[in-house]
Amino acid sequence: MTNPRIISAAYRAWEADYSLPCLDIDSAQVDFVYDPRHTEQLIDAVRYRLKKAEEQDA
């Protein structure tokens, strides 16, 4: 299993290079393989973020 601190550090490094908002997903709370509702929630969240980004650019 991957160390959560390593993932958090990598995310912070990535986030420092990009100004676009991203999604914070607590992987302990979702199961994209066995619960299709979680996948739908992810898709909805991405669509919402894209819509907000488009509105900001307009």
PDB file of N, CA and C in Angstrom:
ATOM      1  N   MET A   1       0.841  -1.186   0.000  1.00  0.00           N
ATOM      2  CA  MET A   1       0.000   0.000   0.000  1.00  0.00           C
ATOM      3  C   MET A   1       0.884   1.246   0.000  1.00  0.00           C
ATOM      4  N   THR A   2       0.464   2.265  -0.706  1.00  0.00           N
ATOM      5  CA  THR A   2       1.234   3.497  -0.821  1.00  0.00           C
ATOM      6  C   THR A   2       1.098   4.332   0.443  1.00  0.00           C
ATOM      7  N   ASN A   3       2.178   4.923   0.850  1.00  0.00           N
ATOM      8  CA  ASN A   3       2.198   5.767   2.033  1.00  0.00           C
ATOM      9  C   ASN A   3       1.437   7.065   1.742  1.00  0.00           C
ATOM     10  N   PRO A   4       0.403   7.388   2.539  1.00  0.00           N
ATOM     11  CA  PRO A   4      -0.380   8.616   2.295  1.00  0.00           C
ATOM     12  C   PRO A   4       0.463   9.888   2.357  1.00  0.00           C
ATOM     13  N   ARG A   5       1.522   9.890   3.160  1.00  0.00           N
ATOM     14  CA  ARG A   5       2.370  11.091   3.234  1.00  0.00           C
ATOM     15  C   ARG A   5       3.096  11.330   1.921  1.00  0.00           C
ATOM     16  N   ILE A   6       3.492  10.259   1.261  1.00  0.00           N
ATOM     17  CA  ILE A   6       4.159  10.397  -0.038  1.00  0.00           C
ATOM     18  C   ILE A   6       3.189  10.969  -1.061  1.00  0.00           C
ATOM     19  N   ILE A   7       1.966  10.469  -1.038  1.00  0.00           N
ATOM     20  CA  ILE A   7       0.950  10.970  -1.968  1.00  0.00           C
ATOM     21  C   ILE A   7       0.654  12.440  -1.685  1.00  0.00           C
ATOM     22  N   SER A   8       0.511  12.798  -0.421  1.00  0.00           N
ATOM     23  CA  SER A   8       0.234  14.192  -0.062  1.00  0.00           C
ATOM     24  C   SER A   8       1.367  15.113  -0.484  1.00  0.00           C
ATOM     25  N   ALA A   9       2.594  14.676  -0.290  1.00  0.00           N
ATOM     26  CA  ALA A   9       3.748  15.493  -0.696  1.00  0.00           C
ATOM     27  C   ALA A   9       3.788  15.662  -2.210  1.00  0.00           C
ATOM     28  N   ALA A  10       3.521  14.597  -2.937  1.00  0.00           N
ATOM     29  CA  ALA A  10       3.504  14.680  -4.399  1.00  0.00           C
ATOM     30  C   ALA A  10       2.381  15.609  -4.867  1.00  0.00           C
ATOM     31  N   TYR A  11       1.241  15.528  -4.208  1.00  0.00           N
ATOM     32  CA  TYR A  11       0.116  16.397  -4.569  1.00  0.00           C
ATOM     33  C   TYR A  11       0.469  17.863  -4.322  1.00  0.00           C
ATOM     34  N   ARG A  12       1.078  18.158  -3.188  1.00  0.00           N
ATOM     35  CA  ARG A  12       1.455  19.545  -2.894  1.00  0.00           C
ATOM     36  C   ARG A  12       2.470  20.061  -3.915  1.00  0.00           C
ATOM     37  N   ALA A  13       3.409  19.212  -4.314  1.00  0.00           N
ATOM     38  CA  ALA A  13       4.390  19.609  -5.327  1.00  0.00           C
ATOM     39  C   ALA A  13       3.705  19.875  -6.657  1.00  0.00           C
ATOM     40  N   TRP A  14       2.789  19.012  -7.026  1.00  0.00           N
ATOM     41  CA  TRP A  14       2.045  19.198  -8.272  1.00  0.00           C
ATOM     42  C   TRP A  14       1.202  20.461  -8.207  1.00  0.00           C
ATOM     43  N   GLU A  15       0.517  20.647  -7.086  1.00  0.00           N
ATOM     44  CA  GLU A  15      -0.373  21.793  -6.910  1.00  0.00           C
ATOM     45  C   GLU A  15       0.385  23.112  -7.015  1.00  0.00           C
ATOM     46  N   ALA A  16       1.635  23.141  -6.565  1.00  0.00           N
ATOM     47  CA  ALA A  16       2.435  24.361  -6.629  1.00  0.00           C
ATOM     48  C   ALA A  16       2.712  24.782  -8.068  1.00  0.00           C
ATOM     49  N   ASP A  17       2.706  23.824  -8.990  1.00  0.00           N
ATOM     50  CA  ASP A  17       3.000  24.123 -10.394  1.00  0.00           C
ATOM     51  C   ASP A  17       1.765  24.484 -11.212  1.00  0.00           C
ATOM     52  N   TYR A  18       0.578  24.222 -10.702  1.00  0.00           N
ATOM     53  CA  TYR A  18      -0.647  24.429 -11.469  1.00  0.00           C
ATOM     54  C   TYR A  18      -1.616  25.301 -10.690  1.00  0.00           C
ATOM     55  N   SER A  19      -2.189  26.268 -11.374  1.00  0.00           N
ATOM     56  CA  SER A  19      -3.107  27.181 -10.704  1.00  0.00           C
ATOM     57  C   SER A  19      -4.568  26.748 -10.823  1.00  0.00           C
ATOM     58  N   LEU A  20      -4.832  25.762 -11.664  1.00  0.00           N
ATOM     59  CA  LEU A  20      -6.209  25.317 -11.832  1.00  0.00           C
ATOM     60  C   LEU A  20      -6.691  24.570 -10.592  1.00  0.00           C
ATOM     61  N   PRO A  21      -7.950  24.722 -10.255  1.00  0.00           N
ATOM     62  CA  PRO A  21      -8.476  23.969  -9.118  1.00  0.00           C
ATOM     63  C   PRO A  21      -8.490  22.478  -9.442  1.00  0.00           C
ATOM     64  N   CYS A  22      -8.343  21.685  -8.444  1.00  0.00           N
ATOM     65  CA  CYS A  22      -8.395  20.244  -8.642  1.00  0.00           C
ATOM     66  C   CYS A  22      -9.312  19.632  -7.594  1.00  0.00           C
ATOM     67  N   LEU A  23      -9.574  18.388  -7.755  1.00  0.00           N
ATOM     68  CA  LEU A  23     -10.472  17.694  -6.843  1.00  0.00           C
ATOM     69  C   LEU A  23      -9.684  17.029  -5.730  1.00  0.00           C
ATOM     70  N   ASP A  24     -10.168  17.189  -4.527  1.00  0.00           N
ATOM     71  CA  ASP A  24      -9.609  16.444  -3.400  1.00  0.00           C
ATOM     72  C   ASP A  24     -10.517  15.256  -3.168  1.00  0.00           C
ATOM     73  N   ILE A  25      -9.980  14.080  -3.313  1.00  0.00           N
ATOM     74  CA  ILE A  25     -10.773  12.864  -3.154  1.00  0.00           C
ATOM     75  C   ILE A  25     -10.157  12.031  -2.042  1.00  0.00           C
ATOM     76  N   ASP A  26     -10.953  11.765  -1.036  1.00  0.00           N
ATOM     77  CA  ASP A  26     -10.514  10.890   0.052  1.00  0.00           C
ATOM     78  C   ASP A  26     -10.763   9.456  -0.400  1.00  0.00           C
ATOM     79  N   SER A  27      -9.707   8.813  -0.848  1.00  0.00           N
ATOM     80  CA  SER A  27      -9.868   7.477  -1.425  1.00  0.00           C
ATOM     81  C   SER A  27     -10.364   6.449  -0.416  1.00  0.00           C
ATOM     82  N   ALA A  28     -10.282   6.745   0.855  1.00  0.00           N
ATOM     83  CA  ALA A  28     -10.812   5.826   1.866  1.00  0.00           C
ATOM     84  C   ALA A  28     -12.344   5.870   1.906  1.00  0.00           C
ATOM     85  N   GLN A  29     -12.916   6.901   1.292  1.00  0.00           N
ATOM     86  CA  GLN A  29     -14.365   7.080   1.333  1.00  0.00           C
ATOM     87  C   GLN A  29     -15.083   6.651   0.062  1.00  0.00           C
ATOM     88  N   VAL A  30     -14.337   6.265  -0.954  1.00  0.00           N
ATOM     89  CA  VAL A  30     -14.965   5.916  -2.230  1.00  0.00           C
ATOM     90  C   VAL A  30     -14.460   4.569  -2.733  1.00  0.00           C
ATOM     91  N   ASP A  31     -15.269   3.955  -3.572  1.00  0.00           N
ATOM     92  CA  ASP A  31     -14.897   2.687  -4.205  1.00  0.00           C
ATOM     93  C   ASP A  31     -15.413   2.731  -5.633  1.00  0.00           C
ATOM     94  N   PHE A  32     -14.542   3.181  -6.545  1.00  0.00           N
ATOM     95  CA  PHE A  32     -14.950   3.354  -7.932  1.00  0.00           C
ATOM     96  C   PHE A  32     -15.159   2.028  -8.655  1.00  0.00           C
ATOM     97  N   VAL A  33     -14.632   0.965  -8.128  1.00  0.00           N
ATOM     98  CA  VAL A  33     -14.765  -0.342  -8.769  1.00  0.00           C
ATOM     99  C   VAL A  33     -16.114  -0.978  -8.455  1.00  0.00           C
ATOM    100  N   TYR A  34     -16.505  -0.951  -7.198  1.00  0.00           N
ATOM    101  CA  TYR A  34     -17.691  -1.702  -6.780  1.00  0.00           C
ATOM    102  C   TYR A  34     -18.935  -0.849  -6.552  1.00  0.00           C
ATOM    103  N   ASP A  35     -18.801   0.457  -6.541  1.00  0.00           N
ATOM    104  CA  ASP A  35     -19.969   1.310  -6.311  1.00  0.00           C
ATOM    105  C   ASP A  35     -20.080   2.348  -7.425  1.00  0.00           C
ATOM    106  N   PRO A  36     -20.908   2.087  -8.421  1.00  0.00           N
ATOM    107  CA  PRO A  36     -21.014   3.008  -9.561  1.00  0.00           C
ATOM    108  C   PRO A  36     -21.494   4.406  -9.168  1.00  0.00           C
ATOM    109  N   ARG A  37     -22.148   4.539  -8.020  1.00  0.00           N
ATOM    110  CA  ARG A  37     -22.565   5.881  -7.573  1.00  0.00           C
ATOM    111  C   ARG A  37     -21.359   6.776  -7.331  1.00  0.00           C
ATOM    112  N   HIS A  38     -20.274   6.184  -6.855  1.00  0.00           N
ATOM    113  CA  HIS A  38     -19.078   6.975  -6.602  1.00  0.00           C
ATOM    114  C   HIS A  38     -18.490   7.500  -7.902  1.00  0.00           C
ATOM    115  N   THR A  39     -18.526   6.694  -8.942  1.00  0.00           N
ATOM    116  CA  THR A  39     -18.048   7.143 -10.248  1.00  0.00           C
ATOM    117  C   THR A  39     -18.924   8.280 -10.761  1.00  0.00           C
ATOM    118  N   GLU A  40     -20.218   8.137 -10.609  1.00  0.00           N
ATOM    119  CA  GLU A  40     -21.136   9.200 -11.041  1.00  0.00           C
ATOM    120  C   GLU A  40     -20.898  10.485 -10.253  1.00  0.00           C
ATOM    121  N   GLN A  41     -20.634  10.372  -8.965  1.00  0.00           N
ATOM    122  CA  GLN A  41     -20.346  11.549  -8.147  1.00  0.00           C
ATOM    123  C   GLN A  41     -19.061  12.227  -8.617  1.00  0.00           C
ATOM    124  N   LEU A  42     -18.068  11.429  -8.980  1.00  0.00           N
ATOM    125  CA  LEU A  42     -16.813  11.983  -9.493  1.00  0.00           C
ATOM    126  C   LEU A  42     -17.054  12.719 -10.805  1.00  0.00           C
ATOM    127  N   ILE A  43     -17.795  12.103 -11.698  1.00  0.00           N
ATOM    128  CA  ILE A  43     -18.100  12.728 -12.991  1.00  0.00           C
ATOM    129  C   ILE A  43     -18.858  14.034 -12.781  1.00  0.00           C
ATOM    130  N   ASP A  44     -19.832  14.032 -11.889  1.00  0.00           N
ATOM    131  CA  ASP A  44     -20.590  15.253 -11.590  1.00  0.00           C
ATOM    132  C   ASP A  44     -19.676  16.348 -11.035  1.00  0.00           C
ATOM    133  N   ALA A  45     -18.757  15.965 -10.159  1.00  0.00           N
ATOM    134  CA  ALA A  45     -17.838  16.948  -9.579  1.00  0.00           C
ATOM    135  C   ALA A  45     -16.928  17.538 -10.647  1.00  0.00           C
ATOM    136  N   VAL A  46     -16.438  16.716 -11.559  1.00  0.00           N
ATOM    137  CA  VAL A  46     -15.577  17.205 -12.637  1.00  0.00           C
ATOM    138  C   VAL A  46     -16.368  18.138 -13.549  1.00  0.00           C
ATOM    139  N   ARG A  47     -17.573  17.766 -13.894  1.00  0.00           N
ATOM    140  CA  ARG A  47     -18.406  18.629 -14.746  1.00  0.00           C
ATOM    141  C   ARG A  47     -18.669  19.969 -14.072  1.00  0.00           C
ATOM    142  N   TYR A  48     -18.947  19.938 -12.774  1.00  0.00           N
ATOM    143  CA  TYR A  48     -19.195  21.166 -12.022  1.00  0.00           C
ATOM    144  C   TYR A  48     -17.961  22.064 -12.051  1.00  0.00           C
ATOM    145  N   ARG A  49     -16.788  21.472 -11.808  1.00  0.00           N
ATOM    146  CA  ARG A  49     -15.550  22.257 -11.815  1.00  0.00           C
ATOM    147  C   ARG A  49     -15.268  22.841 -13.198  1.00  0.00           C
ATOM    148  N   LEU A  50     -15.499  22.060 -14.234  1.00  0.00           N
ATOM    149  CA  LEU A  50     -15.289  22.563 -15.592  1.00  0.00           C
ATOM    150  C   LEU A  50     -16.237  23.705 -15.913  1.00  0.00           C
ATOM    151  N   LYS A  51     -17.481  23.577 -15.494  1.00  0.00           N
ATOM    152  CA  LYS A  51     -18.467  24.634 -15.719  1.00  0.00           C
ATOM    153  C   LYS A  51     -18.041  25.909 -15.002  1.00  0.00           C
ATOM    154  N   LYS A  52     -17.586  25.799 -13.765  1.00  0.00           N
ATOM    155  CA  LYS A  52     -17.139  26.971 -13.008  1.00  0.00           C
ATOM    156  C   LYS A  52     -15.917  27.610 -13.669  1.00  0.00           C
ATOM    157  N   ALA A  53     -14.996  26.782 -14.164  1.00  0.00           N
ATOM    158  CA  ALA A  53     -13.798  27.310 -14.842  1.00  0.00           C
ATOM    159  C   ALA A  53     -14.188  28.051 -16.115  1.00  0.00           C
ATOM    160  N   GLU A  54     -15.146  27.502 -16.858  1.00  0.00           N
ATOM    161  CA  GLU A  54     -15.614  28.162 -18.085  1.00  0.00           C
ATOM    162  C   GLU A  54     -16.291  29.483 -17.760  1.00  0.00           C
ATOM    163  N   GLU A  55     -17.065  29.518 -16.685  1.00  0.00           N
ATOM    164  CA  GLU A  55     -17.740  30.746 -16.289  1.00  0.00           C
ATOM    165  C   GLU A  55     -16.733  31.811 -15.872  1.00  0.00           C
ATOM    166  N   GLN A  56     -15.646  31.418 -15.224  1.00  0.00           N
ATOM    167  CA  GLN A  56     -14.620  32.359 -14.828  1.00  0.00           C
ATOM    168  C   GLN A  56     -13.904  32.951 -16.031  1.00  0.00           C
ATOM    169  N   ASP A  57     -13.707  32.122 -17.054  1.00  0.00           N
ATOM    170  CA  ASP A  57     -13.008  32.575 -18.249  1.00  0.00           C
ATOM    171  C   ASP A  57     -13.878  33.461 -19.130  1.00  0.00           C
ATOM    172  N   ALA A  58     -15.192  33.376 -18.974  1.00  0.00           N
ATOM    173  CA  ALA A  58     -16.110  34.132 -19.841  1.00  0.00           C
ATOM    174  C   ALA A  58     -16.162  35.595 -19.453  1.00  0.00           C
TER     175      ALA A  58
END
